């Protein structure tokens, strides 16, 4: 089992956000979490992350990049925890051919080849978000947790990046505001409303009436 909640309650600070959470997510599942702003999507993702922190590639709403460092170095940071301080320091100064090529392969897939050695502070919001996703890919983890991971991307790049994520990660859990993206890229949709799970269904079984209940 990848993740398991057994009648759990989740809070954000002193505020109770979700209760009676009772569900499992198996390895290999692609799951979307939907709901209005404030429904608890981010809180749920953080709780999922805590369960298997060492196996998770995490992509929060804010990219969390180091602005003065290049796209290349920010992507490389996905593997900081896998190497010693000295190795990381050396690669910061002189990446070497192997690391350069590994990162170049990722930037090419994400349409960032022209930005590989550009400081992130000089990049657009969409480029920064793709850099954050590149960092998650480079981490070589098997599980991806993304909190609105393509919210800054246009209608051309968003589906491409979601396809890349689905291909790369065995298990994928995404908080999404675009229901169509959820239905296309995930096999299962969990909807949150009023502090609880409204429904947990196969994506193909989610109807327009279901969606209406979520957002109205």
N, C-alpha and C. Protein backbone atom coordinates (compact mmCIF):
# COMPACT_ATOMS: atom_id res chain seq x y z
N UNK A 1 0.84 -1.20 0.00
CA UNK A 1 0.00 0.00 0.00
C UNK A 1 0.88 1.25 0.00
N UNK A 2 0.59 2.19 -0.89
CA UNK A 2 1.37 3.42 -0.93
C UNK A 2 0.94 4.36 0.20
N UNK A 3 -0.37 4.63 0.30
CA UNK A 3 -0.87 5.53 1.34
C UNK A 3 -2.13 4.94 1.96
N UNK A 4 -2.32 5.23 3.25
CA UNK A 4 -3.45 4.64 3.96
C UNK A 4 -3.97 5.61 5.02
N UNK A 5 -5.23 6.01 4.89
CA UNK A 5 -5.89 6.82 5.92
C UNK A 5 -7.04 6.01 6.50
N UNK A 6 -7.08 5.93 7.82
CA UNK A 6 -8.11 5.15 8.50
C UNK A 6 -8.88 6.05 9.46
N UNK A 7 -9.96 6.63 8.96
CA UNK A 7 -10.83 7.50 9.75
C UNK A 7 -10.03 8.62 10.43
N UNK A 8 -9.17 9.27 9.66
CA UNK A 8 -8.29 10.29 10.22
C UNK A 8 -8.85 11.70 10.08
N UNK A 9 -8.31 12.57 10.92
CA UNK A 9 -8.68 13.98 10.93
C UNK A 9 -7.43 14.80 10.66
N UNK A 10 -7.54 15.82 9.82
CA UNK A 10 -6.40 16.66 9.49
C UNK A 10 -6.69 18.11 9.84
N UNK A 11 -5.66 18.77 10.38
CA UNK A 11 -5.81 20.18 10.76
C UNK A 11 -4.71 21.01 10.13
N UNK A 12 -4.98 22.31 10.01
CA UNK A 12 -3.97 23.27 9.58
C UNK A 12 -3.86 24.28 10.70
N UNK A 13 -2.75 24.19 11.46
CA UNK A 13 -2.63 25.00 12.67
C UNK A 13 -3.69 24.56 13.67
N UNK A 14 -4.48 25.49 14.16
CA UNK A 14 -5.55 25.18 15.11
C UNK A 14 -6.88 24.89 14.43
N UNK A 15 -6.89 24.96 13.12
CA UNK A 15 -8.14 24.84 12.37
C UNK A 15 -8.29 23.44 11.79
N UNK A 16 -9.38 22.77 12.14
CA UNK A 16 -9.65 21.46 11.57
C UNK A 16 -10.10 21.62 10.12
N UNK A 17 -9.44 20.89 9.23
CA UNK A 17 -9.71 21.04 7.80
C UNK A 17 -10.51 19.87 7.24
N UNK A 18 -10.09 18.65 7.57
CA UNK A 18 -10.74 17.45 7.04
C UNK A 18 -10.96 16.44 8.16
N UNK A 19 -12.02 15.67 8.05
CA UNK A 19 -12.28 14.63 9.04
C UNK A 19 -12.83 13.39 8.35
N UNK A 20 -12.79 12.29 9.10
CA UNK A 20 -13.31 11.01 8.61
C UNK A 20 -12.67 10.57 7.29
N UNK A 21 -11.37 10.82 7.17
CA UNK A 21 -10.66 10.38 5.96
C UNK A 21 -10.41 8.89 6.04
N UNK A 22 -10.96 8.17 5.09
CA UNK A 22 -10.84 6.71 5.11
C UNK A 22 -10.66 6.22 3.67
N UNK A 23 -9.41 6.13 3.23
CA UNK A 23 -9.14 5.67 1.86
C UNK A 23 -7.71 5.19 1.76
N UNK A 24 -7.43 4.47 0.69
CA UNK A 24 -6.10 3.95 0.41
C UNK A 24 -5.72 4.32 -1.02
N UNK A 25 -4.43 4.50 -1.24
CA UNK A 25 -3.91 4.69 -2.59
C UNK A 25 -2.82 3.65 -2.80
N UNK A 26 -3.00 2.83 -3.82
CA UNK A 26 -2.07 1.74 -4.08
C UNK A 26 -0.93 2.20 -4.99
N UNK A 27 0.23 1.53 -4.90
CA UNK A 27 1.32 1.84 -5.84
C UNK A 27 0.84 1.69 -7.28
N UNK A 28 1.22 2.65 -8.11
CA UNK A 28 0.86 2.60 -9.51
C UNK A 28 -0.39 3.39 -9.86
N UNK A 29 -1.11 3.88 -8.86
CA UNK A 29 -2.33 4.65 -9.15
C UNK A 29 -1.99 6.09 -9.53
N UNK A 30 -2.82 6.64 -10.40
CA UNK A 30 -2.76 8.05 -10.77
C UNK A 30 -4.05 8.70 -10.25
N UNK A 31 -3.92 9.58 -9.26
CA UNK A 31 -5.09 10.10 -8.54
C UNK A 31 -5.10 11.62 -8.59
N UNK A 32 -6.28 12.19 -8.87
CA UNK A 32 -6.46 13.64 -8.83
C UNK A 32 -7.32 13.98 -7.61
N UNK A 33 -6.95 15.08 -6.95
CA UNK A 33 -7.74 15.61 -5.85
C UNK A 33 -8.33 16.93 -6.31
N UNK A 34 -9.64 17.05 -6.26
CA UNK A 34 -10.29 18.27 -6.71
C UNK A 34 -11.13 18.86 -5.58
N UNK A 35 -11.52 20.11 -5.76
CA UNK A 35 -12.33 20.79 -4.75
C UNK A 35 -12.13 22.29 -4.86
N UNK A 36 -13.04 23.04 -4.28
CA UNK A 36 -12.91 24.49 -4.27
C UNK A 36 -11.66 24.92 -3.53
N UNK A 37 -11.24 26.15 -3.76
CA UNK A 37 -10.14 26.73 -2.99
C UNK A 37 -10.52 26.70 -1.51
N UNK A 38 -9.61 26.19 -0.68
CA UNK A 38 -9.89 26.09 0.75
C UNK A 38 -10.53 24.79 1.17
N UNK A 39 -10.74 23.88 0.22
CA UNK A 39 -11.41 22.61 0.55
C UNK A 39 -10.50 21.66 1.31
N UNK A 40 -9.18 21.89 1.27
CA UNK A 40 -8.26 21.03 2.00
C UNK A 40 -7.33 20.22 1.14
N UNK A 41 -7.24 20.57 -0.15
CA UNK A 41 -6.39 19.81 -1.07
C UNK A 41 -4.93 19.85 -0.64
N UNK A 42 -4.42 21.05 -0.34
CA UNK A 42 -3.02 21.19 0.05
C UNK A 42 -2.74 20.49 1.38
N UNK A 43 -3.68 20.60 2.31
CA UNK A 43 -3.52 19.94 3.61
C UNK A 43 -3.44 18.43 3.44
N UNK A 44 -4.28 17.89 2.57
CA UNK A 44 -4.26 16.45 2.31
C UNK A 44 -2.94 16.02 1.66
N UNK A 45 -2.47 16.79 0.70
CA UNK A 45 -1.19 16.46 0.05
C UNK A 45 -0.04 16.45 1.06
N UNK A 46 -0.02 17.44 1.95
CA UNK A 46 1.04 17.49 2.96
C UNK A 46 0.99 16.27 3.87
N UNK A 47 -0.21 15.83 4.22
CA UNK A 47 -0.36 14.64 5.06
C UNK A 47 0.11 13.39 4.32
N UNK A 48 -0.19 13.31 3.03
CA UNK A 48 0.31 12.20 2.22
C UNK A 48 1.83 12.21 2.17
N UNK A 49 2.38 13.38 2.01
CA UNK A 49 3.84 13.51 1.94
C UNK A 49 4.49 13.01 3.23
N UNK A 50 3.90 13.31 4.36
CA UNK A 50 4.46 12.91 5.65
C UNK A 50 4.50 11.39 5.79
N UNK A 51 3.57 10.70 5.16
CA UNK A 51 3.53 9.24 5.31
C UNK A 51 4.73 8.55 4.68
N UNK A 52 5.18 9.07 3.52
CA UNK A 52 6.27 8.41 2.79
C UNK A 52 7.27 9.44 2.29
N UNK A 53 7.75 10.27 3.20
CA UNK A 53 8.58 11.42 2.81
C UNK A 53 9.80 11.04 1.98
N UNK A 54 10.44 9.93 2.29
CA UNK A 54 11.67 9.56 1.60
C UNK A 54 11.43 9.05 0.18
N UNK A 55 10.20 8.70 -0.12
CA UNK A 55 9.90 8.14 -1.44
C UNK A 55 9.20 9.14 -2.36
N UNK A 56 8.96 10.35 -1.84
CA UNK A 56 8.11 11.31 -2.55
C UNK A 56 8.91 12.42 -3.20
N UNK A 57 8.59 12.69 -4.46
CA UNK A 57 9.05 13.90 -5.15
C UNK A 57 7.94 14.92 -4.99
N UNK A 58 8.25 16.04 -4.35
CA UNK A 58 7.24 17.00 -3.94
C UNK A 58 7.30 18.25 -4.80
N UNK A 59 6.15 18.67 -5.31
CA UNK A 59 6.07 19.87 -6.14
C UNK A 59 4.95 20.77 -5.58
N UNK A 60 5.29 21.74 -4.72
CA UNK A 60 4.28 22.60 -4.11
C UNK A 60 3.80 23.68 -5.07
N UNK A 61 2.79 24.44 -4.64
CA UNK A 61 2.26 25.51 -5.49
C UNK A 61 3.33 26.55 -5.80
N UNK A 62 4.09 26.95 -4.79
CA UNK A 62 5.20 27.87 -5.01
C UNK A 62 6.44 27.05 -5.36
N UNK A 63 7.08 27.30 -6.49
CA UNK A 63 8.18 26.45 -6.95
C UNK A 63 9.32 26.25 -5.95
N UNK A 64 9.55 27.25 -5.09
CA UNK A 64 10.60 27.09 -4.09
C UNK A 64 11.99 27.00 -4.68
N UNK A 65 12.23 27.74 -5.75
CA UNK A 65 13.54 27.72 -6.40
C UNK A 65 14.48 28.73 -5.73
N UNK A 66 15.78 28.54 -5.95
CA UNK A 66 16.77 29.53 -5.52
C UNK A 66 16.92 30.51 -6.67
N UNK A 67 16.41 31.75 -6.53
CA UNK A 67 16.29 32.66 -7.67
C UNK A 67 17.58 32.96 -8.41
N UNK A 68 18.69 33.11 -7.66
CA UNK A 68 19.93 33.51 -8.33
C UNK A 68 20.66 32.34 -8.99
N UNK A 69 20.24 31.11 -8.67
CA UNK A 69 20.86 29.95 -9.30
C UNK A 69 20.16 29.63 -10.62
N UNK A 70 20.88 28.94 -11.49
CA UNK A 70 20.34 28.62 -12.81
C UNK A 70 19.27 27.54 -12.74
N UNK A 71 18.55 27.43 -13.84
CA UNK A 71 17.61 26.32 -14.00
C UNK A 71 18.32 24.99 -13.77
N UNK A 72 19.51 24.85 -14.34
CA UNK A 72 20.30 23.62 -14.19
C UNK A 72 20.53 23.29 -12.72
N UNK A 73 21.00 24.25 -11.96
CA UNK A 73 21.33 23.98 -10.56
C UNK A 73 20.09 23.71 -9.72
N UNK A 74 19.00 24.38 -10.04
CA UNK A 74 17.76 24.12 -9.30
C UNK A 74 17.23 22.72 -9.59
N UNK A 75 17.37 22.27 -10.82
CA UNK A 75 16.96 20.89 -11.13
C UNK A 75 17.88 19.91 -10.41
N UNK A 76 19.19 20.18 -10.43
CA UNK A 76 20.13 19.29 -9.75
C UNK A 76 19.80 19.14 -8.26
N UNK A 77 19.20 20.17 -7.66
CA UNK A 77 18.89 20.13 -6.24
C UNK A 77 17.93 19.00 -5.88
N UNK A 78 17.29 18.41 -6.87
CA UNK A 78 16.46 17.25 -6.61
C UNK A 78 17.23 16.07 -6.05
N UNK A 79 18.54 16.06 -6.24
CA UNK A 79 19.37 14.95 -5.73
C UNK A 79 20.31 15.39 -4.61
N UNK A 80 20.11 16.54 -4.03
CA UNK A 80 21.00 17.00 -2.96
C UNK A 80 21.09 16.01 -1.81
N UNK A 81 19.96 15.39 -1.47
CA UNK A 81 19.94 14.48 -0.33
C UNK A 81 20.59 13.14 -0.62
N UNK A 82 21.00 12.93 -1.87
CA UNK A 82 21.59 11.64 -2.24
C UNK A 82 23.12 11.68 -2.31
N UNK A 83 23.70 12.86 -2.07
CA UNK A 83 25.15 13.01 -2.17
C UNK A 83 25.69 13.77 -0.96
N UNK A 84 26.97 13.67 -0.75
CA UNK A 84 27.60 14.38 0.37
C UNK A 84 27.68 15.88 0.08
N UNK A 85 27.94 16.64 1.12
CA UNK A 85 28.07 18.09 0.98
C UNK A 85 29.18 18.45 0.00
N UNK A 86 30.31 17.75 0.07
CA UNK A 86 31.44 18.07 -0.80
C UNK A 86 31.13 17.80 -2.27
N UNK A 87 30.45 16.67 -2.52
CA UNK A 87 30.08 16.35 -3.91
C UNK A 87 29.12 17.39 -4.45
N UNK A 88 28.14 17.76 -3.64
CA UNK A 88 27.18 18.78 -4.08
C UNK A 88 27.86 20.12 -4.32
N UNK A 89 28.79 20.48 -3.47
CA UNK A 89 29.51 21.74 -3.63
C UNK A 89 30.32 21.74 -4.93
N UNK A 90 31.00 20.63 -5.19
CA UNK A 90 31.79 20.52 -6.42
C UNK A 90 30.91 20.62 -7.66
N UNK A 91 29.75 19.97 -7.60
CA UNK A 91 28.86 19.99 -8.77
C UNK A 91 28.18 21.34 -8.93
N UNK A 92 28.09 22.10 -7.87
CA UNK A 92 27.56 23.45 -7.97
C UNK A 92 28.53 24.33 -8.75
N UNK A 93 29.82 24.12 -8.51
CA UNK A 93 30.85 24.91 -9.18
C UNK A 93 31.16 24.36 -10.57
N UNK A 94 31.30 23.03 -10.65
CA UNK A 94 31.63 22.39 -11.92
C UNK A 94 30.77 21.14 -12.06
N UNK A 95 29.64 21.23 -12.76
CA UNK A 95 28.69 20.12 -12.82
C UNK A 95 29.27 18.83 -13.41
N UNK A 96 30.16 18.95 -14.40
CA UNK A 96 30.67 17.76 -15.05
C UNK A 96 29.76 17.30 -16.18
N UNK A 97 30.33 16.55 -17.13
CA UNK A 97 29.59 16.16 -18.33
C UNK A 97 28.38 15.28 -18.03
N UNK A 98 28.54 14.33 -17.10
CA UNK A 98 27.45 13.38 -16.82
C UNK A 98 26.23 14.10 -16.27
N UNK A 99 26.44 14.95 -15.27
CA UNK A 99 25.33 15.68 -14.65
C UNK A 99 24.72 16.66 -15.64
N UNK A 100 25.58 17.35 -16.41
CA UNK A 100 25.06 18.29 -17.42
C UNK A 100 24.13 17.58 -18.40
N UNK A 101 24.53 16.40 -18.83
CA UNK A 101 23.72 15.67 -19.80
C UNK A 101 22.42 15.18 -19.17
N UNK A 102 22.50 14.69 -17.94
CA UNK A 102 21.29 14.22 -17.25
C UNK A 102 20.26 15.35 -17.13
N UNK A 103 20.73 16.52 -16.72
CA UNK A 103 19.83 17.66 -16.57
C UNK A 103 19.37 18.15 -17.94
N UNK A 104 20.27 18.13 -18.92
CA UNK A 104 19.90 18.56 -20.28
C UNK A 104 18.78 17.70 -20.85
N UNK A 105 18.82 16.40 -20.56
CA UNK A 105 17.76 15.51 -21.03
C UNK A 105 16.40 15.93 -20.47
N UNK A 106 16.40 16.36 -19.21
CA UNK A 106 15.16 16.79 -18.57
C UNK A 106 14.70 18.13 -19.12
N UNK A 107 15.64 19.08 -19.23
CA UNK A 107 15.24 20.40 -19.74
C UNK A 107 14.72 20.30 -21.18
N UNK A 108 15.29 19.39 -21.95
CA UNK A 108 14.82 19.22 -23.33
C UNK A 108 13.38 18.72 -23.34
N UNK A 109 13.09 17.74 -22.50
CA UNK A 109 11.72 17.19 -22.45
C UNK A 109 10.71 18.24 -22.00
N UNK A 110 11.15 19.15 -21.12
CA UNK A 110 10.24 20.14 -20.56
C UNK A 110 10.25 21.46 -21.34
N UNK A 111 10.97 21.49 -22.45
CA UNK A 111 11.01 22.70 -23.27
C UNK A 111 11.80 23.82 -22.62
N UNK A 112 12.85 23.46 -21.88
CA UNK A 112 13.65 24.45 -21.15
C UNK A 112 15.11 24.49 -21.60
N UNK A 113 15.41 23.90 -22.74
CA UNK A 113 16.80 23.82 -23.19
C UNK A 113 17.46 25.19 -23.27
N UNK A 114 16.72 26.20 -23.73
CA UNK A 114 17.29 27.54 -23.87
C UNK A 114 17.51 28.22 -22.52
N UNK A 115 16.94 27.64 -21.47
CA UNK A 115 17.02 28.26 -20.13
C UNK A 115 17.95 27.51 -19.18
N UNK A 116 18.60 26.45 -19.64
CA UNK A 116 19.30 25.58 -18.70
C UNK A 116 20.27 26.32 -17.79
N UNK A 117 20.97 27.30 -18.31
CA UNK A 117 21.95 28.02 -17.48
C UNK A 117 21.54 29.47 -17.23
N UNK A 118 20.25 29.73 -17.36
CA UNK A 118 19.72 31.06 -17.05
C UNK A 118 19.29 31.10 -15.58
N UNK A 119 19.59 32.18 -14.84
CA UNK A 119 19.12 32.29 -13.45
C UNK A 119 17.59 32.23 -13.40
N UNK A 120 17.08 31.53 -12.43
CA UNK A 120 15.62 31.35 -12.37
C UNK A 120 14.88 32.67 -12.18
N UNK A 121 15.55 33.66 -11.59
CA UNK A 121 14.89 34.94 -11.40
C UNK A 121 14.64 35.67 -12.72
N UNK A 122 15.28 35.21 -13.79
CA UNK A 122 15.07 35.80 -15.11
C UNK A 122 14.08 35.00 -15.96
N UNK A 123 13.50 33.99 -15.37
CA UNK A 123 12.58 33.12 -16.11
C UNK A 123 11.14 33.48 -15.82
N UNK A 124 10.25 33.12 -16.73
CA UNK A 124 8.82 33.36 -16.55
C UNK A 124 8.26 32.42 -15.49
N UNK A 125 7.02 32.70 -15.05
CA UNK A 125 6.38 31.84 -14.07
C UNK A 125 6.21 30.42 -14.57
N UNK A 126 5.83 30.27 -15.83
CA UNK A 126 5.67 28.94 -16.40
C UNK A 126 6.99 28.18 -16.49
N UNK A 127 8.06 28.89 -16.85
CA UNK A 127 9.38 28.26 -16.91
C UNK A 127 9.85 27.84 -15.53
N UNK A 128 9.56 28.66 -14.53
CA UNK A 128 9.94 28.31 -13.16
C UNK A 128 9.16 27.09 -12.69
N UNK A 129 7.90 27.01 -13.05
CA UNK A 129 7.10 25.85 -12.64
C UNK A 129 7.63 24.58 -13.30
N UNK A 130 8.01 24.67 -14.56
CA UNK A 130 8.59 23.50 -15.23
C UNK A 130 9.94 23.13 -14.64
N UNK A 131 10.69 24.13 -14.17
CA UNK A 131 11.97 23.85 -13.49
C UNK A 131 11.72 23.08 -12.20
N UNK A 132 10.69 23.48 -11.46
CA UNK A 132 10.32 22.77 -10.24
C UNK A 132 9.94 21.32 -10.55
N UNK A 133 9.24 21.11 -11.64
CA UNK A 133 8.88 19.76 -12.05
C UNK A 133 10.13 18.99 -12.47
N UNK A 134 11.05 19.67 -13.16
CA UNK A 134 12.32 19.03 -13.54
C UNK A 134 13.09 18.58 -12.31
N UNK A 135 13.09 19.39 -11.26
CA UNK A 135 13.75 19.02 -10.01
C UNK A 135 13.13 17.76 -9.43
N UNK A 136 11.81 17.67 -9.47
CA UNK A 136 11.12 16.48 -8.96
C UNK A 136 11.48 15.24 -9.78
N UNK A 137 11.54 15.41 -11.10
CA UNK A 137 11.91 14.28 -11.96
C UNK A 137 13.34 13.82 -11.67
N UNK A 138 14.24 14.79 -11.50
CA UNK A 138 15.65 14.45 -11.27
C UNK A 138 15.87 13.77 -9.92
N UNK A 139 14.93 13.91 -9.01
CA UNK A 139 15.08 13.29 -7.68
C UNK A 139 15.05 11.77 -7.74
N UNK A 140 14.52 11.22 -8.84
CA UNK A 140 14.47 9.78 -9.07
C UNK A 140 13.62 9.05 -8.02
N UNK A 141 12.62 9.72 -7.51
CA UNK A 141 11.68 9.08 -6.59
C UNK A 141 10.57 8.41 -7.40
N UNK A 142 9.85 7.50 -6.76
CA UNK A 142 8.82 6.75 -7.49
C UNK A 142 7.43 7.36 -7.36
N UNK A 143 7.25 8.28 -6.40
CA UNK A 143 5.94 8.88 -6.15
C UNK A 143 6.03 10.39 -6.36
N UNK A 144 5.07 10.94 -7.08
CA UNK A 144 5.01 12.38 -7.30
C UNK A 144 3.76 12.94 -6.64
N UNK A 145 3.95 13.97 -5.82
CA UNK A 145 2.85 14.71 -5.23
C UNK A 145 2.93 16.14 -5.76
N UNK A 146 1.90 16.59 -6.44
CA UNK A 146 1.92 17.92 -7.04
C UNK A 146 0.71 18.74 -6.62
N UNK A 147 0.96 19.93 -6.11
CA UNK A 147 -0.11 20.84 -5.70
C UNK A 147 -0.30 21.88 -6.80
N UNK A 148 -1.28 21.67 -7.66
CA UNK A 148 -1.51 22.51 -8.84
C UNK A 148 -0.21 22.66 -9.65
N UNK A 149 0.41 21.54 -10.06
CA UNK A 149 1.74 21.59 -10.66
C UNK A 149 1.82 22.24 -12.03
N UNK A 150 0.68 22.42 -12.71
CA UNK A 150 0.72 23.03 -14.04
C UNK A 150 -0.15 24.30 -14.10
N UNK A 151 -0.42 24.90 -12.96
CA UNK A 151 -1.32 26.06 -12.91
C UNK A 151 -0.78 27.27 -13.66
N UNK A 152 0.55 27.37 -13.80
CA UNK A 152 1.16 28.52 -14.49
C UNK A 152 1.44 28.24 -15.96
N UNK A 153 1.05 27.07 -16.44
CA UNK A 153 1.35 26.69 -17.82
C UNK A 153 0.16 26.94 -18.73
N UNK A 154 0.47 27.23 -19.99
CA UNK A 154 -0.59 27.48 -20.96
C UNK A 154 -1.20 26.16 -21.42
N UNK A 155 -2.24 26.26 -22.25
CA UNK A 155 -2.98 25.08 -22.68
C UNK A 155 -2.14 24.17 -23.58
N UNK A 156 -1.03 24.68 -24.11
CA UNK A 156 -0.13 23.85 -24.92
C UNK A 156 0.81 23.04 -24.04
N UNK A 157 1.45 23.71 -23.05
CA UNK A 157 2.44 23.03 -22.23
C UNK A 157 1.83 22.16 -21.13
N UNK A 158 0.69 22.55 -20.58
CA UNK A 158 0.12 21.83 -19.43
C UNK A 158 -0.12 20.34 -19.73
N UNK A 159 -0.81 19.97 -20.81
CA UNK A 159 -1.02 18.54 -21.07
C UNK A 159 0.28 17.81 -21.39
N UNK A 160 1.23 18.49 -22.04
CA UNK A 160 2.51 17.86 -22.33
C UNK A 160 3.23 17.49 -21.03
N UNK A 161 3.26 18.44 -20.10
CA UNK A 161 3.96 18.21 -18.83
C UNK A 161 3.25 17.13 -18.02
N UNK A 162 1.93 17.14 -18.00
CA UNK A 162 1.20 16.10 -17.28
C UNK A 162 1.47 14.72 -17.88
N UNK A 163 1.58 14.64 -19.19
CA UNK A 163 1.93 13.37 -19.84
C UNK A 163 3.31 12.90 -19.40
N UNK A 164 4.26 13.82 -19.33
CA UNK A 164 5.62 13.47 -18.90
C UNK A 164 5.60 12.95 -17.47
N UNK A 165 4.86 13.61 -16.61
CA UNK A 165 4.77 13.18 -15.21
C UNK A 165 4.15 11.78 -15.11
N UNK A 166 3.09 11.55 -15.87
CA UNK A 166 2.44 10.24 -15.83
C UNK A 166 3.35 9.13 -16.33
N UNK A 167 4.17 9.45 -17.32
CA UNK A 167 5.11 8.46 -17.86
C UNK A 167 6.25 8.19 -16.90
N UNK A 168 6.70 9.24 -16.20
CA UNK A 168 7.92 9.11 -15.39
C UNK A 168 7.67 8.49 -14.02
N UNK A 169 6.56 8.83 -13.39
CA UNK A 169 6.32 8.40 -12.01
C UNK A 169 5.34 7.24 -11.96
N UNK A 170 5.69 6.25 -11.16
CA UNK A 170 4.84 5.08 -10.99
C UNK A 170 3.52 5.46 -10.32
N UNK A 171 3.61 6.26 -9.26
CA UNK A 171 2.43 6.69 -8.51
C UNK A 171 2.36 8.21 -8.57
N UNK A 172 1.17 8.74 -8.84
CA UNK A 172 1.01 10.17 -9.07
C UNK A 172 -0.25 10.65 -8.35
N UNK A 173 -0.09 11.71 -7.54
CA UNK A 173 -1.24 12.30 -6.86
C UNK A 173 -1.17 13.81 -7.07
N UNK A 174 -2.22 14.36 -7.70
CA UNK A 174 -2.21 15.75 -8.11
C UNK A 174 -3.43 16.48 -7.56
N UNK A 175 -3.22 17.65 -6.98
CA UNK A 175 -4.33 18.56 -6.71
C UNK A 175 -4.49 19.42 -7.96
N UNK A 176 -5.67 19.39 -8.56
CA UNK A 176 -5.89 20.09 -9.82
C UNK A 176 -7.16 20.93 -9.75
N UNK A 177 -7.13 22.08 -10.40
CA UNK A 177 -8.34 22.90 -10.50
C UNK A 177 -9.06 22.66 -11.82
N UNK A 178 -8.36 22.03 -12.76
CA UNK A 178 -8.94 21.74 -14.07
C UNK A 178 -9.46 20.30 -14.07
N UNK A 179 -10.77 20.15 -14.02
CA UNK A 179 -11.37 18.81 -13.93
C UNK A 179 -11.10 17.98 -15.18
N UNK A 180 -11.06 18.63 -16.34
CA UNK A 180 -10.79 17.89 -17.57
C UNK A 180 -9.39 17.29 -17.54
N UNK A 181 -8.42 18.04 -17.04
CA UNK A 181 -7.07 17.49 -16.87
C UNK A 181 -7.09 16.29 -15.94
N UNK A 182 -7.86 16.39 -14.87
CA UNK A 182 -7.96 15.28 -13.92
C UNK A 182 -8.52 14.03 -14.58
N UNK A 183 -9.54 14.20 -15.41
CA UNK A 183 -10.19 13.05 -16.04
C UNK A 183 -9.31 12.42 -17.11
N UNK A 184 -8.52 13.24 -17.79
CA UNK A 184 -7.66 12.73 -18.87
C UNK A 184 -6.43 12.02 -18.33
N UNK A 185 -5.81 12.58 -17.30
CA UNK A 185 -4.50 12.10 -16.87
C UNK A 185 -4.52 11.20 -15.63
N UNK A 186 -5.64 11.12 -14.95
CA UNK A 186 -5.72 10.30 -13.73
C UNK A 186 -6.85 9.28 -13.86
N UNK A 187 -6.64 8.11 -13.25
CA UNK A 187 -7.66 7.06 -13.33
C UNK A 187 -8.71 7.22 -12.23
N UNK A 188 -8.40 8.03 -11.24
CA UNK A 188 -9.25 8.13 -10.05
C UNK A 188 -9.33 9.58 -9.59
N UNK A 189 -10.51 10.00 -9.16
CA UNK A 189 -10.69 11.36 -8.68
C UNK A 189 -11.29 11.35 -7.29
N UNK A 190 -10.64 12.06 -6.37
CA UNK A 190 -11.14 12.24 -5.01
C UNK A 190 -11.58 13.70 -4.89
N UNK A 191 -12.84 13.91 -4.58
CA UNK A 191 -13.38 15.27 -4.46
C UNK A 191 -13.58 15.62 -2.98
N UNK A 192 -13.15 16.83 -2.60
CA UNK A 192 -13.29 17.30 -1.23
C UNK A 192 -14.31 18.42 -1.16
N UNK A 193 -15.14 18.38 -0.11
CA UNK A 193 -16.11 19.46 0.11
C UNK A 193 -16.57 19.42 1.57
N UNK A 194 -16.72 20.60 2.15
CA UNK A 194 -17.24 20.74 3.51
C UNK A 194 -16.48 19.87 4.52
N UNK A 195 -15.15 19.84 4.37
CA UNK A 195 -14.32 19.16 5.35
C UNK A 195 -14.30 17.65 5.26
N UNK A 196 -14.73 17.09 4.15
CA UNK A 196 -14.77 15.63 4.02
C UNK A 196 -14.65 15.25 2.55
N UNK A 197 -14.55 13.94 2.30
CA UNK A 197 -14.54 13.43 0.93
C UNK A 197 -15.97 13.38 0.43
N UNK A 198 -16.24 14.11 -0.65
CA UNK A 198 -17.57 14.11 -1.26
C UNK A 198 -17.77 12.84 -2.09
N UNK A 199 -16.75 12.49 -2.90
CA UNK A 199 -16.79 11.22 -3.61
C UNK A 199 -15.37 10.79 -3.96
N UNK A 200 -15.22 9.51 -4.20
CA UNK A 200 -13.95 8.89 -4.59
C UNK A 200 -14.31 7.89 -5.67
N UNK A 201 -14.07 8.26 -6.94
CA UNK A 201 -14.57 7.48 -8.06
C UNK A 201 -13.51 7.28 -9.14
N UNK A 202 -13.73 6.25 -9.94
CA UNK A 202 -13.00 6.11 -11.19
C UNK A 202 -13.29 7.34 -12.06
N UNK A 203 -12.27 7.88 -12.69
CA UNK A 203 -12.42 9.12 -13.45
C UNK A 203 -13.52 9.04 -14.49
N UNK A 204 -13.65 7.89 -15.13
CA UNK A 204 -14.65 7.75 -16.19
C UNK A 204 -16.07 7.70 -15.65
N UNK A 205 -16.23 7.50 -14.35
CA UNK A 205 -17.56 7.44 -13.74
C UNK A 205 -17.99 8.80 -13.18
N UNK A 206 -17.10 9.78 -13.22
CA UNK A 206 -17.43 11.10 -12.69
C UNK A 206 -18.29 11.85 -13.70
N UNK A 207 -19.48 12.24 -13.28
CA UNK A 207 -20.44 12.88 -14.18
C UNK A 207 -20.42 14.40 -14.02
N UNK A 208 -21.12 15.07 -14.92
CA UNK A 208 -21.24 16.52 -14.81
C UNK A 208 -22.00 16.91 -13.54
N UNK A 209 -22.94 16.07 -13.12
CA UNK A 209 -23.67 16.32 -11.87
C UNK A 209 -22.72 16.23 -10.66
N UNK A 210 -21.80 15.27 -10.71
CA UNK A 210 -20.80 15.16 -9.64
C UNK A 210 -19.98 16.43 -9.54
N UNK A 211 -19.53 16.92 -10.68
CA UNK A 211 -18.70 18.13 -10.70
C UNK A 211 -19.51 19.33 -10.21
N UNK A 212 -20.78 19.38 -10.59
CA UNK A 212 -21.63 20.47 -10.14
C UNK A 212 -21.73 20.49 -8.61
N UNK A 213 -21.84 19.30 -8.02
CA UNK A 213 -21.91 19.20 -6.55
C UNK A 213 -20.63 19.70 -5.89
N UNK A 214 -19.51 19.47 -6.54
CA UNK A 214 -18.22 19.89 -5.96
C UNK A 214 -18.11 21.40 -5.89
N UNK A 215 -18.50 22.07 -6.96
CA UNK A 215 -18.20 23.49 -7.09
C UNK A 215 -19.41 24.41 -6.88
N UNK A 216 -20.57 23.82 -6.57
CA UNK A 216 -21.76 24.65 -6.36
C UNK A 216 -22.45 24.26 -5.05
